[in-house]
Amino acid sequence: MKKSIMALVAATVLSTAAVVPAVAHHSTGAFYTDERVEVEGKVVEFLYVNPHGQLVIQDASGNYWVGEMSSVLGLQRQGLTKALLPVGTSVKINAQKSRDGSNRTFVRQILKEGKEIYRNEPTA
């Protein structure tokens, strides 16, 4: 009896641990449209944090754009480090527009000096 209770507890803990990460993450579809925007500007801030990195740039008109990105692990897998985007760096982003019409985006590509340094496209 004691062994079966322990087995039940272990199975419950393991199955819960496997499900929690899947429930905790969300699709970008709820927040962003399929419409794309390209923005050129200078990096104001790059938050290299979980659950999603954030890139803030200011365009030539003075508008601020906040770009959500993948997790720190996802950024690292792409070779994107905090050191690659210091404040003042000129960049061009390709991103999905926010559903609420604000200058909030989900960054799909970053170009620095004309070279791609980040790409995060959905897989089919």
PDB file of N, CA and C in Angstrom:
ATOM      1  N   MET A   1       0.839  -1.197   0.000  1.00  0.00           N
ATOM      2  CA  MET A   1       0.000   0.000   0.000  1.00  0.00           C
ATOM      3  C   MET A   1       0.873   1.246   0.000  1.00  0.00           C
ATOM      4  N   LYS A   2       1.920   1.239   0.841  1.00  0.00           N
ATOM      5  CA  LYS A   2       2.802   2.398   0.950  1.00  0.00           C
ATOM      6  C   LYS A   2       3.505   2.675  -0.389  1.00  0.00           C
ATOM      7  N   LYS A   3       3.924   1.585  -1.074  1.00  0.00           N
ATOM      8  CA  LYS A   3       4.601   1.733  -2.356  1.00  0.00           C
ATOM      9  C   LYS A   3       3.666   2.302  -3.417  1.00  0.00           C
ATOM     10  N   SER A   4       2.408   1.865  -3.422  1.00  0.00           N
ATOM     11  CA  SER A   4       1.471   2.379  -4.416  1.00  0.00           C
ATOM     12  C   SER A   4       1.123   3.841  -4.173  1.00  0.00           C
ATOM     13  N   ILE A   5       1.073   4.277  -2.933  1.00  0.00           N
ATOM     14  CA  ILE A   5       0.829   5.696  -2.634  1.00  0.00           C
ATOM     15  C   ILE A   5       2.021   6.528  -3.103  1.00  0.00           C
ATOM     16  N   MET A   6       3.215   6.044  -2.827  1.00  0.00           N
ATOM     17  CA  MET A   6       4.421   6.752  -3.258  1.00  0.00           C
ATOM     18  C   MET A   6       4.498   6.818  -4.785  1.00  0.00           C
ATOM     19  N   ALA A   7       4.120   5.736  -5.448  1.00  0.00           N
ATOM     20  CA  ALA A   7       4.116   5.704  -6.911  1.00  0.00           C
ATOM     21  C   ALA A   7       3.094   6.700  -7.458  1.00  0.00           C
ATOM     22  N   LEU A   8       1.928   6.765  -6.822  1.00  0.00           N
ATOM     23  CA  LEU A   8       0.884   7.707  -7.231  1.00  0.00           C
ATOM     24  C   LEU A   8       1.355   9.147  -7.051  1.00  0.00           C
ATOM     25  N   VAL A   9       1.975   9.443  -5.913  1.00  0.00           N
ATOM     26  CA  VAL A   9       2.499  10.791  -5.656  1.00  0.00           C
ATOM     27  C   VAL A   9       3.574  11.142  -6.685  1.00  0.00           C
ATOM     28  N   ALA A  10       4.485  10.215  -6.947  1.00  0.00           N
ATOM     29  CA  ALA A  10       5.552  10.458  -7.921  1.00  0.00           C
ATOM     30  C   ALA A  10       4.974  10.705  -9.312  1.00  0.00           C
ATOM     31  N   ALA A  11       3.989   9.897  -9.713  1.00  0.00           N
ATOM     32  CA  ALA A  11       3.364  10.065 -11.027  1.00  0.00           C
ATOM     33  C   ALA A  11       2.660  11.409 -11.137  1.00  0.00           C
ATOM     34  N   THR A  12       2.005  11.822 -10.086  1.00  0.00           N
ATOM     35  CA  THR A  12       1.308  13.117 -10.071  1.00  0.00           C
ATOM     36  C   THR A  12       2.289  14.265 -10.201  1.00  0.00           C
ATOM     37  N   VAL A  13       3.366  14.227  -9.439  1.00  0.00           N
ATOM     38  CA  VAL A  13       4.380  15.284  -9.488  1.00  0.00           C
ATOM     39  C   VAL A  13       5.012  15.356 -10.870  1.00  0.00           C
ATOM     40  N   LEU A  14       5.378  14.213 -11.423  1.00  0.00           N
ATOM     41  CA  LEU A  14       6.019  14.195 -12.741  1.00  0.00           C
ATOM     42  C   LEU A  14       5.083  14.672 -13.841  1.00  0.00           C
ATOM     43  N   SER A  15       3.831  14.254 -13.807  1.00  0.00           N
ATOM     44  CA  SER A  15       2.902  14.690 -14.849  1.00  0.00           C
ATOM     45  C   SER A  15       2.590  16.176 -14.730  1.00  0.00           C
ATOM     46  N   THR A  16       2.502  16.695 -13.525  1.00  0.00           N
ATOM     47  CA  THR A  16       2.282  18.127 -13.323  1.00  0.00           C
ATOM     48  C   THR A  16       3.480  18.924 -13.816  1.00  0.00           C
ATOM     49  N   ALA A  17       4.669  18.444 -13.526  1.00  0.00           N
ATOM     50  CA  ALA A  17       5.889  19.137 -13.967  1.00  0.00           C
ATOM     51  C   ALA A  17       5.981  19.181 -15.481  1.00  0.00           C
ATOM     52  N   ALA A  18       5.485  18.165 -16.155  1.00  0.00           N
ATOM     53  CA  ALA A  18       5.530  18.127 -17.615  1.00  0.00           C
ATOM     54  C   ALA A  18       4.499  19.059 -18.238  1.00  0.00           C
ATOM     55  N   VAL A  19       3.373  19.263 -17.596  1.00  0.00           N
ATOM     56  CA  VAL A  19       2.290  20.075 -18.147  1.00  0.00           C
ATOM     57  C   VAL A  19       2.467  21.566 -17.882  1.00  0.00           C
ATOM     58  N   VAL A  20       2.990  21.954 -16.752  1.00  0.00           N
ATOM     59  CA  VAL A  20       3.072  23.360 -16.363  1.00  0.00           C
ATOM     60  C   VAL A  20       3.788  24.233 -17.402  1.00  0.00           C
ATOM     61  N   PRO A  21       4.965  23.849 -17.951  1.00  0.00           N
ATOM     62  CA  PRO A  21       5.596  24.710 -18.951  1.00  0.00           C
ATOM     63  C   PRO A  21       4.735  24.923 -20.187  1.00  0.00           C
ATOM     64  N   ALA A  22       4.011  23.903 -20.616  1.00  0.00           N
ATOM     65  CA  ALA A  22       3.166  24.038 -21.799  1.00  0.00           C
ATOM     66  C   ALA A  22       2.015  24.995 -21.553  1.00  0.00           C
ATOM     67  N   VAL A  23       1.442  24.970 -20.375  1.00  0.00           N
ATOM     68  CA  VAL A  23       0.324  25.856 -20.043  1.00  0.00           C
ATOM     69  C   VAL A  23       0.804  27.283 -19.853  1.00  0.00           C
ATOM     70  N   ALA A  24       1.997  27.453 -19.347  1.00  0.00           N
ATOM     71  CA  ALA A  24       2.500  28.779 -19.007  1.00  0.00           C
ATOM     72  C   ALA A  24       2.839  29.610 -20.236  1.00  0.00           C
ATOM     73  N   HIS A  25       3.144  28.992 -21.363  1.00  0.00           N
ATOM     74  CA  HIS A  25       3.537  29.764 -22.538  1.00  0.00           C
ATOM     75  C   HIS A  25       2.331  30.113 -23.384  1.00  0.00           C
ATOM     76  N   HIS A  26       2.455  31.166 -24.181  1.00  0.00           N
ATOM     77  CA  HIS A  26       1.341  31.609 -25.011  1.00  0.00           C
ATOM     78  C   HIS A  26       1.791  31.820 -26.444  1.00  0.00           C
ATOM     79  N   SER A  27       0.847  31.782 -27.337  1.00  0.00           N
ATOM     80  CA  SER A  27       1.095  32.064 -28.738  1.00  0.00           C
ATOM     81  C   SER A  27       1.124  33.571 -28.946  1.00  0.00           C
ATOM     82  N   THR A  28       1.809  34.011 -29.984  1.00  0.00           N
ATOM     83  CA  THR A  28       1.818  35.448 -30.301  1.00  0.00           C
ATOM     84  C   THR A  28       0.514  35.875 -30.973  1.00  0.00           C
ATOM     85  N   GLY A  29      -0.259  34.913 -31.478  1.00  0.00           N
ATOM     86  CA  GLY A  29      -1.484  35.225 -32.203  1.00  0.00           C
ATOM     87  C   GLY A  29      -2.513  36.022 -31.411  1.00  0.00           C
ATOM     88  N   ALA A  30      -2.538  35.854 -30.120  1.00  0.00           N
ATOM     89  CA  ALA A  30      -3.512  36.570 -29.298  1.00  0.00           C
ATOM     90  C   ALA A  30      -3.167  38.051 -29.156  1.00  0.00           C
ATOM     91  N   PHE A  31      -1.916  38.406 -29.369  1.00  0.00           N
ATOM     92  CA  PHE A  31      -1.469  39.769 -29.110  1.00  0.00           C
ATOM     93  C   PHE A  31      -1.036  40.535 -30.367  1.00  0.00           C
ATOM     94  N   TYR A  32      -0.642  39.802 -31.400  1.00  0.00           N
ATOM     95  CA  TYR A  32      -0.075  40.437 -32.589  1.00  0.00           C
ATOM     96  C   TYR A  32      -0.770  39.961 -33.850  1.00  0.00           C
ATOM     97  N   THR A  33      -0.868  40.836 -34.852  1.00  0.00           N
ATOM     98  CA  THR A  33      -1.482  40.493 -36.130  1.00  0.00           C
ATOM     99  C   THR A  33      -0.429  39.835 -37.028  1.00  0.00           C
ATOM    100  N   ASP A  34      -0.867  39.362 -38.180  1.00  0.00           N
ATOM    101  CA  ASP A  34       0.076  38.822 -39.171  1.00  0.00           C
ATOM    102  C   ASP A  34       0.710  39.958 -39.979  1.00  0.00           C
ATOM    103  N   GLU A  35       0.138  41.165 -39.856  1.00  0.00           N
ATOM    104  CA  GLU A  35       0.672  42.324 -40.573  1.00  0.00           C
ATOM    105  C   GLU A  35       2.050  42.684 -40.020  1.00  0.00           C
ATOM    106  N   ARG A  36       2.954  42.992 -40.936  1.00  0.00           N
ATOM    107  CA  ARG A  36       4.333  43.306 -40.542  1.00  0.00           C
ATOM    108  C   ARG A  36       4.607  44.801 -40.653  1.00  0.00           C
ATOM    109  N   VAL A  37       5.565  45.229 -39.869  1.00  0.00           N
ATOM    110  CA  VAL A  37       6.041  46.599 -39.905  1.00  0.00           C
ATOM    111  C   VAL A  37       7.562  46.558 -39.883  1.00  0.00           C
ATOM    112  N   GLU A  38       8.187  47.463 -40.617  1.00  0.00           N
ATOM    113  CA  GLU A  38       9.638  47.614 -40.555  1.00  0.00           C
ATOM    114  C   GLU A  38       9.933  48.953 -39.904  1.00  0.00           C
ATOM    115  N   VAL A  39      10.794  48.927 -38.917  1.00  0.00           N
ATOM    116  CA  VAL A  39      11.127  50.138 -38.172  1.00  0.00           C
ATOM    117  C   VAL A  39      12.637  50.261 -38.090  1.00  0.00           C
ATOM    118  N   GLU A  40      13.126  51.462 -38.418  1.00  0.00           N
ATOM    119  CA  GLU A  40      14.548  51.753 -38.260  1.00  0.00           C
ATOM    120  C   GLU A  40      14.700  52.761 -37.137  1.00  0.00           C
ATOM    121  N   GLY A  41      15.708  52.550 -36.326  1.00  0.00           N
ATOM    122  CA  GLY A  41      15.935  53.485 -35.237  1.00  0.00           C
ATOM    123  C   GLY A  41      17.139  53.094 -34.411  1.00  0.00           C
ATOM    124  N   LYS A  42      17.234  53.744 -33.266  1.00  0.00           N
ATOM    125  CA  LYS A  42      18.348  53.497 -32.350  1.00  0.00           C
ATOM    126  C   LYS A  42      17.846  52.777 -31.102  1.00  0.00           C
ATOM    127  N   VAL A  43      18.664  51.860 -30.612  1.00  0.00           N
ATOM    128  CA  VAL A  43      18.323  51.118 -29.407  1.00  0.00           C
ATOM    129  C   VAL A  43      18.309  52.065 -28.218  1.00  0.00           C
ATOM    130  N   VAL A  44      17.202  52.070 -27.499  1.00  0.00           N
ATOM    131  CA  VAL A  44      17.055  52.847 -26.279  1.00  0.00           C
ATOM    132  C   VAL A  44      17.298  51.934 -25.075  1.00  0.00           C
ATOM    133  N   GLU A  45      16.817  50.681 -25.202  1.00  0.00           N
ATOM    134  CA  GLU A  45      16.980  49.719 -24.117  1.00  0.00           C
ATOM    135  C   GLU A  45      16.828  48.313 -24.687  1.00  0.00           C
ATOM    136  N   PHE A  46      17.609  47.395 -24.167  1.00  0.00           N
ATOM    137  CA  PHE A  46      17.489  45.991 -24.521  1.00  0.00           C
ATOM    138  C   PHE A  46      17.450  45.202 -23.222  1.00  0.00           C
ATOM    139  N   LEU A  47      16.259  44.703 -22.908  1.00  0.00           N
ATOM    140  CA  LEU A  47      16.074  43.922 -21.689  1.00  0.00           C
ATOM    141  C   LEU A  47      16.268  42.446 -22.030  1.00  0.00           C
ATOM    142  N   TYR A  48      17.356  41.890 -21.562  1.00  0.00           N
ATOM    143  CA  TYR A  48      17.728  40.503 -21.814  1.00  0.00           C
ATOM    144  C   TYR A  48      17.219  39.681 -20.636  1.00  0.00           C
ATOM    145  N   VAL A  49      15.884  39.500 -20.587  1.00  0.00           N
ATOM    146  CA  VAL A  49      15.227  38.885 -19.435  1.00  0.00           C
ATOM    147  C   VAL A  49      14.182  37.860 -19.884  1.00  0.00           C
ATOM    148  N   ASN A  50      13.838  36.974 -18.966  1.00  0.00           N
ATOM    149  CA  ASN A  50      12.746  36.031 -19.199  1.00  0.00           C
ATOM    150  C   ASN A  50      11.466  36.600 -18.624  1.00  0.00           C
ATOM    151  N   PRO A  51      10.286  36.274 -19.090  1.00  0.00           N
ATOM    152  CA  PRO A  51      10.058  35.220 -20.058  1.00  0.00           C
ATOM    153  C   PRO A  51      10.316  35.642 -21.500  1.00  0.00           C
ATOM    154  N   HIS A  52      10.389  36.947 -21.778  1.00  0.00           N
ATOM    155  CA  HIS A  52      10.646  37.420 -23.133  1.00  0.00           C
ATOM    156  C   HIS A  52      11.575  38.624 -23.091  1.00  0.00           C
ATOM    157  N   GLY A  53      12.573  38.609 -23.967  1.00  0.00           N
ATOM    158  CA  GLY A  53      13.415  39.784 -24.112  1.00  0.00           C
ATOM    159  C   GLY A  53      12.584  40.937 -24.656  1.00  0.00           C
ATOM    160  N   GLN A  54      13.018  42.155 -24.385  1.00  0.00           N
ATOM    161  CA  GLN A  54      12.316  43.341 -24.870  1.00  0.00           C
ATOM    162  C   GLN A  54      13.335  44.287 -25.494  1.00  0.00           C
ATOM    163  N   LEU A  55      13.046  44.759 -26.682  1.00  0.00           N
ATOM    164  CA  LEU A  55      13.901  45.713 -27.373  1.00  0.00           C
ATOM    165  C   LEU A  55      13.114  46.999 -27.563  1.00  0.00           C
ATOM    166  N   VAL A  56      13.655  48.093 -27.072  1.00  0.00           N
ATOM    167  CA  VAL A  56      13.002  49.390 -27.222  1.00  0.00           C
ATOM    168  C   VAL A  56      13.866  50.218 -28.168  1.00  0.00           C
ATOM    169  N   ILE A  57      13.257  50.695 -29.259  1.00  0.00           N
ATOM    170  CA  ILE A  57      13.990  51.557 -30.187  1.00  0.00           C
ATOM    171  C   ILE A  57      13.203  52.841 -30.411  1.00  0.00           C
ATOM    172  N   GLN A  58      13.934  53.878 -30.804  1.00  0.00           N
ATOM    173  CA  GLN A  58      13.321  55.167 -31.129  1.00  0.00           C
ATOM    174  C   GLN A  58      13.588  55.435 -32.600  1.00  0.00           C
ATOM    175  N   ASP A  59      12.519  55.677 -33.373  1.00  0.00           N
ATOM    176  CA  ASP A  59      12.688  55.931 -34.803  1.00  0.00           C
ATOM    177  C   ASP A  59      13.056  57.388 -35.066  1.00  0.00           C
ATOM    178  N   ALA A  60      13.279  57.725 -36.323  1.00  0.00           N
ATOM    179  CA  ALA A  60      13.714  59.069 -36.706  1.00  0.00           C
ATOM    180  C   ALA A  60      12.692  60.145 -36.357  1.00  0.00           C
ATOM    181  N   SER A  61      11.411  59.767 -36.242  1.00  0.00           N
ATOM    182  CA  SER A  61      10.359  60.720 -35.882  1.00  0.00           C
ATOM    183  C   SER A  61      10.228  60.913 -34.374  1.00  0.00           C
ATOM    184  N   GLY A  62      11.022  60.173 -33.604  1.00  0.00           N
ATOM    185  CA  GLY A  62      10.961  60.282 -32.149  1.00  0.00           C
ATOM    186  C   GLY A  62       9.999  59.309 -31.491  1.00  0.00           C
ATOM    187  N   ASN A  63       9.353  58.451 -32.297  1.00  0.00           N
ATOM    188  CA  ASN A  63       8.424  57.467 -31.750  1.00  0.00           C
ATOM    189  C   ASN A  63       9.189  56.301 -31.132  1.00  0.00           C
ATOM    190  N   TYR A  64       8.682  55.803 -30.027  1.00  0.00           N
ATOM    191  CA  TYR A  64       9.278  54.648 -29.365  1.00  0.00           C
ATOM    192  C   TYR A  64       8.521  53.393 -29.791  1.00  0.00           C
ATOM    193  N   TRP A  65       9.251  52.326 -30.025  1.00  0.00           N
ATOM    194  CA  TRP A  65       8.699  51.036 -30.398  1.00  0.00           C
ATOM    195  C   TRP A  65       9.224  49.999 -29.409  1.00  0.00           C
ATOM    196  N   VAL A  66       8.310  49.218 -28.845  1.00  0.00           N
ATOM    197  CA  VAL A  66       8.693  48.168 -27.903  1.00  0.00           C
ATOM    198  C   VAL A  66       8.490  46.834 -28.611  1.00  0.00           C
ATOM    199  N   GLY A  67       9.564  46.074 -28.721  1.00  0.00           N
ATOM    200  CA  GLY A  67       9.509  44.788 -29.402  1.00  0.00           C
ATOM    201  C   GLY A  67       9.713  43.633 -28.447  1.00  0.00           C
ATOM    202  N   GLU A  68       8.710  42.774 -28.380  1.00  0.00           N
ATOM    203  CA  GLU A  68       8.836  41.553 -27.590  1.00  0.00           C
ATOM    204  C   GLU A  68       9.611  40.540 -28.418  1.00  0.00           C
ATOM    205  N   MET A  69      10.413  39.730 -27.725  1.00  0.00           N
ATOM    206  CA  MET A  69      11.236  38.739 -28.412  1.00  0.00           C
ATOM    207  C   MET A  69      11.081  37.393 -27.709  1.00  0.00           C
ATOM    208  N   SER A  70      11.894  36.429 -28.105  1.00  0.00           N
ATOM    209  CA  SER A  70      11.834  35.129 -27.442  1.00  0.00           C
ATOM    210  C   SER A  70      12.524  35.177 -26.086  1.00  0.00           C
ATOM    211  N   SER A  71      12.584  34.043 -25.423  1.00  0.00           N
ATOM    212  CA  SER A  71      13.217  33.951 -24.107  1.00  0.00           C
ATOM    213  C   SER A  71      14.724  34.157 -24.218  1.00  0.00           C
ATOM    214  N   VAL A  72      15.372  34.336 -23.093  1.00  0.00           N
ATOM    215  CA  VAL A  72      16.831  34.491 -23.082  1.00  0.00           C
ATOM    216  C   VAL A  72      17.489  33.278 -23.736  1.00  0.00           C
ATOM    217  N   LEU A  73      16.993  32.083 -23.447  1.00  0.00           N
ATOM    218  CA  LEU A  73      17.554  30.878 -24.063  1.00  0.00           C
ATOM    219  C   LEU A  73      17.378  30.923 -25.581  1.00  0.00           C
ATOM    220  N   GLY A  74      16.222  31.358 -26.042  1.00  0.00           N
ATOM    221  CA  GLY A  74      15.981  31.498 -27.478  1.00  0.00           C
ATOM    222  C   GLY A  74      16.907  32.529 -28.109  1.00  0.00           C
ATOM    223  N   LEU A  75      17.129  33.637 -27.411  1.00  0.00           N
ATOM    224  CA  LEU A  75      18.048  34.665 -27.909  1.00  0.00           C
ATOM    225  C   LEU A  75      19.465  34.117 -27.983  1.00  0.00           C
ATOM    226  N   GLN A  76      19.867  33.390 -26.958  1.00  0.00           N
ATOM    227  CA  GLN A  76      21.207  32.798 -26.939  1.00  0.00           C
ATOM    228  C   GLN A  76      21.379  31.799 -28.071  1.00  0.00           C
ATOM    229  N   ARG A  77      20.360  31.002 -28.329  1.00  0.00           N
ATOM    230  CA  ARG A  77      20.429  30.020 -29.422  1.00  0.00           C
ATOM    231  C   ARG A  77      20.625  30.705 -30.765  1.00  0.00           C
ATOM    232  N   GLN A  78      20.105  31.909 -30.894  1.00  0.00           N
ATOM    233  CA  GLN A  78      20.267  32.685 -32.123  1.00  0.00           C
ATOM    234  C   GLN A  78      21.604  33.429 -32.151  1.00  0.00           C
ATOM    235  N   GLY A  79      22.336  33.387 -31.049  1.00  0.00           N
ATOM    236  CA  GLY A  79      23.619  34.091 -30.973  1.00  0.00           C
ATOM    237  C   GLY A  79      23.473  35.553 -30.591  1.00  0.00           C
ATOM    238  N   LEU A  80      22.276  35.936 -30.151  1.00  0.00           N
ATOM    239  CA  LEU A  80      22.034  37.320 -29.772  1.00  0.00           C
ATOM    240  C   LEU A  80      22.337  37.518 -28.293  1.00  0.00           C
ATOM    241  N   THR A  81      23.335  38.350 -28.013  1.00  0.00           N
ATOM    242  CA  THR A  81      23.702  38.658 -26.633  1.00  0.00           C
ATOM    243  C   THR A  81      23.404  40.121 -26.358  1.00  0.00           C
ATOM    244  N   LYS A  82      23.365  40.473 -25.100  1.00  0.00           N
ATOM    245  CA  LYS A  82      23.108  41.861 -24.705  1.00  0.00           C
ATOM    246  C   LYS A  82      24.179  42.792 -25.276  1.00  0.00           C
ATOM    247  N   ALA A  83      25.402  42.296 -25.370  1.00  0.00           N
ATOM    248  CA  ALA A  83      26.523  43.104 -25.867  1.00  0.00           C
ATOM    249  C   ALA A  83      26.368  43.489 -27.341  1.00  0.00           C
ATOM    250  N   LEU A  84      25.566  42.744 -28.103  1.00  0.00           N
ATOM    251  CA  LEU A  84      25.377  43.056 -29.526  1.00  0.00           C
ATOM    252  C   LEU A  84      24.474  44.264 -29.763  1.00  0.00           C
ATOM    253  N   LEU A  85      23.682  44.636 -28.752  1.00  0.00           N
ATOM    254  CA  LEU A  85      22.736  45.744 -28.927  1.00  0.00           C
ATOM    255  C   LEU A  85      22.855  46.783 -27.817  1.00  0.00           C
ATOM    256  N   PRO A  86      24.001  47.449 -27.710  1.00  0.00           N
ATOM    257  CA  PRO A  86      24.106  48.493 -26.687  1.00  0.00           C
ATOM    258  C   PRO A  86      23.242  49.704 -27.052  1.00  0.00           C
ATOM    259  N   VAL A  87      22.922  50.502 -26.059  1.00  0.00           N
ATOM    260  CA  VAL A  87      22.138  51.728 -26.271  1.00  0.00           C
ATOM    261  C   VAL A  87      22.831  52.579 -27.336  1.00  0.00           C
ATOM    262  N   GLY A  88      22.022  53.082 -28.274  1.00  0.00           N
ATOM    263  CA  GLY A  88      22.540  53.936 -29.342  1.00  0.00           C
ATOM    264  C   GLY A  88      22.818  53.214 -30.639  1.00  0.00           C
ATOM    265  N   THR A  89      22.771  51.883 -30.638  1.00  0.00           N
ATOM    266  CA  THR A  89      23.012  51.095 -31.847  1.00  0.00           C
ATOM    267  C   THR A  89      21.886  51.315 -32.849  1.00  0.00           C
ATOM    268  N   SER A  90      22.232  51.543 -34.114  1.00  0.00           N
ATOM    269  CA  SER A  90      21.239  51.667 -35.178  1.00  0.00           C
ATOM    270  C   SER A  90      20.811  50.281 -35.630  1.00  0.00           C
ATOM    271  N   VAL A  91      19.510  50.058 -35.690  1.00  0.00           N
ATOM    272  CA  VAL A  91      18.961  48.768 -36.105  1.00  0.00           C
ATOM    273  C   VAL A  91      17.753  48.976 -37.002  1.00  0.00           C
ATOM    274  N   LYS A  92      17.408  47.916 -37.702  1.00  0.00           N
ATOM    275  CA  LYS A  92      16.162  47.865 -38.462  1.00  0.00           C
ATOM    276  C   LYS A  92      15.487  46.568 -38.055  1.00  0.00           C
ATOM    277  N   ILE A  93      14.222  46.652 -37.657  1.00  0.00           N
ATOM    278  CA  ILE A  93      13.495  45.454 -37.269  1.00  0.00           C
ATOM    279  C   ILE A  93      12.349  45.186 -38.236  1.00  0.00           C
ATOM    280  N   ASN A  94      12.029  43.928 -38.381  1.00  0.00           N
ATOM    281  CA  ASN A  94      10.832  43.483 -39.069  1.00  0.00           C
ATOM    282  C   ASN A  94      10.026  42.789 -37.994  1.00  0.00           C
ATOM    283  N   ALA A  95       8.789  43.222 -37.796  1.00  0.00           N
ATOM    284  CA  ALA A  95       8.025  42.724 -36.658  1.00  0.00           C
ATOM    285  C   ALA A  95       6.533  42.663 -36.961  1.00  0.00           C
ATOM    286  N   GLN A  96       5.848  41.817 -36.181  1.00  0.00           N
ATOM    287  CA  GLN A  96       4.391  41.746 -36.250  1.00  0.00           C
ATOM    288  C   GLN A  96       3.813  42.891 -35.440  1.00  0.00           C
ATOM    289  N   LYS A  97       2.771  43.518 -36.001  1.00  0.00           N
ATOM    290  CA  LYS A  97       2.128  44.647 -35.329  1.00  0.00           C
ATOM    291  C   LYS A  97       1.217  44.180 -34.195  1.00  0.00           C
ATOM    292  N   SER A  98       1.051  45.059 -33.233  1.00  0.00           N
ATOM    293  CA  SER A  98       0.176  44.795 -32.099  1.00  0.00           C
ATOM    294  C   SER A  98      -1.283  44.862 -32.524  1.00  0.00           C
ATOM    295  N   ARG A  99      -2.099  44.000 -31.943  1.00  0.00           N
ATOM    296  CA  ARG A  99      -3.545  44.021 -32.235  1.00  0.00           C
ATOM    297  C   ARG A  99      -4.206  45.300 -31.738  1.00  0.00           C
ATOM    298  N   ASP A 100      -3.642  45.923 -30.692  1.00  0.00           N
ATOM    299  CA  ASP A 100      -4.263  47.133 -30.151  1.00  0.00           C
ATOM    300  C   ASP A 100      -3.839  48.403 -30.891  1.00  0.00           C
ATOM    301  N   GLY A 101      -3.021  48.273 -31.933  1.00  0.00           N
ATOM    302  CA  GLY A 101      -2.627  49.425 -32.744  1.00  0.00           C
ATOM    303  C   GLY A 101      -1.503  50.253 -32.153  1.00  0.00           C
ATOM    304  N   SER A 102      -0.969  49.849 -31.017  1.00  0.00           N
ATOM    305  CA  SER A 102       0.122  50.606 -30.398  1.00  0.00           C
ATOM    306  C   SER A 102       1.448  50.295 -31.092  1.00  0.00           C
ATOM    307  N   ASN A 103       2.484  50.942 -30.648  1.00  0.00           N
ATOM    308  CA  ASN A 103       3.823  50.709 -31.195  1.00  0.00           C
ATOM    309  C   ASN A 103       4.500  49.528 -30.496  1.00  0.00           C
ATOM    310  N   ARG A 104       3.717  48.561 -30.128  1.00  0.00           N
ATOM    311  CA  ARG A 104       4.241  47.336 -29.523  1.00  0.00           C
ATOM    312  C   ARG A 104       4.279  46.279 -30.626  1.00  0.00           C
ATOM    313  N   THR A 105       5.353  45.513 -30.680  1.00  0.00           N
ATOM    314  CA  THR A 105       5.519  44.536 -31.748  1.00  0.00           C
ATOM    315  C   THR A 105       6.080  43.225 -31.205  1.00  0.00           C
ATOM    316  N   PHE A 106       6.055  42.211 -32.063  1.00  0.00           N
ATOM    317  CA  PHE A 106       6.783  40.975 -31.798  1.00  0.00           C
ATOM    318  C   PHE A 106       7.859  40.895 -32.864  1.00  0.00           C
ATOM    319  N   VAL A 107       9.104  41.014 -32.449  1.00  0.00           N
ATOM    320  CA  VAL A 107      10.237  41.108 -33.367  1.00  0.00           C
ATOM    321  C   VAL A 107      10.495  39.764 -34.038  1.00  0.00           C
ATOM    322  N   ARG A 108      10.561  39.790 -35.367  1.00  0.00           N
ATOM    323  CA  ARG A 108      10.851  38.596 -36.145  1.00  0.00           C
ATOM    324  C   ARG A 108      12.261  38.625 -36.730  1.00  0.00           C
ATOM    325  N   GLN A 109      12.803  39.841 -36.949  1.00  0.00           N
ATOM    326  CA  GLN A 109      14.139  39.963 -37.529  1.00  0.00           C
ATOM    327  C   GLN A 109      14.777  41.268 -37.067  1.00  0.00           C
ATOM    328  N   ILE A 110      16.088  41.219 -36.828  1.00  0.00           N
ATOM    329  CA  ILE A 110      16.856  42.422 -36.513  1.00  0.00           C
ATOM    330  C   ILE A 110      18.047  42.492 -37.463  1.00  0.00           C
ATOM    331  N   LEU A 111      18.202  43.645 -38.101  1.00  0.00           N
ATOM    332  CA  LEU A 111      19.370  43.919 -38.928  1.00  0.00           C
ATOM    333  C   LEU A 111      20.205  44.987 -38.238  1.00  0.00           C
ATOM    334  N   LYS A 112      21.504  44.761 -38.198  1.00  0.00           N
ATOM    335  CA  LYS A 112      22.454  45.731 -37.640  1.00  0.00           C
ATOM    336  C   LYS A 112      23.534  45.909 -38.694  1.00  0.00           C
ATOM    337  N   GLU A 113      23.719  47.156 -39.127  1.00  0.00           N
ATOM    338  CA  GLU A 113      24.680  47.462 -40.187  1.00  0.00           C
ATOM    339  C   GLU A 113      24.398  46.629 -41.432  1.00  0.00           C
ATOM    340  N   GLY A 114      23.096  46.413 -41.712  1.00  0.00           N
ATOM    341  CA  GLY A 114      22.675  45.671 -42.896  1.00  0.00           C
ATOM    342  C   GLY A 114      22.795  44.162 -42.791  1.00  0.00           C
ATOM    343  N   LYS A 115      23.293  43.649 -41.667  1.00  0.00           N
ATOM    344  CA  LYS A 115      23.463  42.210 -41.497  1.00  0.00           C
ATOM    345  C   LYS A 115      22.444  41.676 -40.490  1.00  0.00           C
ATOM    346  N   GLU A 116      21.884  40.530 -40.822  1.00  0.00           N
ATOM    347  CA  GLU A 116      20.920  39.906 -39.919  1.00  0.00           C
ATOM    348  C   GLU A 116      21.635  39.369 -38.685  1.00  0.00           C
ATOM    349  N   ILE A 117      21.152  39.804 -37.507  1.00  0.00           N
ATOM    350  CA  ILE A 117      21.732  39.297 -36.263  1.00  0.00           C
ATOM    351  C   ILE A 117      20.709  38.501 -35.449  1.00  0.00           C
ATOM    352  N   TYR A 118      19.449  38.516 -35.903  1.00  0.00           N
ATOM    353  CA  TYR A 118      18.399  37.784 -35.191  1.00  0.00           C
ATOM    354  C   TYR A 118      17.264  37.487 -36.145  1.00  0.00           C
ATOM    355  N   ARG A 119      16.754  36.251 -36.077  1.00  0.00           N
ATOM    356  CA  ARG A 119      15.574  35.869 -36.851  1.00  0.00           C
ATOM    357  C   ARG A 119      14.764  34.872 -36.024  1.00  0.00           C
ATOM    358  N   ASN A 120      13.480  35.141 -35.916  1.00  0.00           N
ATOM    359  CA  ASN A 120      12.574  34.274 -35.190  1.00  0.00           C
ATOM    360  C   ASN A 120      11.279  34.195 -35.983  1.00  0.00           C
ATOM    361  N   GLU A 121      11.220  33.259 -36.896  1.00  0.00           N
ATOM    362  CA  GLU A 121      10.034  33.074 -37.724  1.00  0.00           C
ATOM    363  C   GLU A 121       9.312  31.815 -37.289  1.00  0.00           C
ATOM    364  N   PRO A 122       7.975  31.846 -37.338  1.00  0.00           N
ATOM    365  CA  PRO A 122       7.223  30.650 -36.969  1.00  0.00           C
ATOM    366  C   PRO A 122       7.482  29.519 -37.961  1.00  0.00           C
ATOM    367  N   THR A 123       7.436  28.293 -37.470  1.00  0.00           N
ATOM    368  CA  THR A 123       7.603  27.149 -38.348  1.00  0.00           C
ATOM    369  C   THR A 123       6.232  26.648 -38.761  1.00  0.00           C
ATOM    370  N   ALA A 124       6.162  26.156 -39.957  1.00  0.00           N
ATOM    371  CA  ALA A 124       4.864  25.687 -40.469  1.00  0.00           C
ATOM    372  C   ALA A 124       4.577  24.277 -40.056  1.00  0.00           C
TER     373      ALA A 124
END
